[in-house]
């Protein structure tokens, strides 16, 4: 469906739009809305493998692909959201609530897609950090590198075999080299 969104609107008006969660999802920031680009096969594979790796750990966190996060005047849909399991909202039946979360997740992971604005994605990660997120990763499949963002620190750029920082209570031993090796097809 072709949608001609208004140039400017309020967050509340944005959240009432019927198409914001259609694929690819729409995001809201600075009174403007924009649609995320389609990620492609590399993006999808990295997203799938990272969610599986994080969820396979014995930890108090869960990883969610494309979960809407609405807080601090923005509504964004990071590629992967990692949040404490006990913070995920549930409905009256005890099932996970629809509509995403209304707080900054503990960890966000973005995977840069072809033709995606690195500035916009970085802005979303910085917004998360300003509101309580403890870790952000920005994967660049073309450069085979990962920008790592943590509160009150300069970002670091890692590639090769250096282990990526993780949440203190999550024992995930991954390097950029290991992550991007997932893109190699075997057999």
Foldseek 3Di string as FASTA:
>chain_A
DDDDDDAFDFPVVVLPDPCQVPPQHWKDDPRGIDGDDDADDLLVLLLVVVQVLQVVFPFQKHKDAQFWEAEDRITDGFRIAIAGPVQQDDDPVRHGDPDGYHAQGQEGEHEDGPPDDPVVVVVVVVVSQVGHHAWYWYHYLVVLWIWIDGPPDDIDIFHDLDFDDDPPGGPRGDGSPRSSVSVDDDD
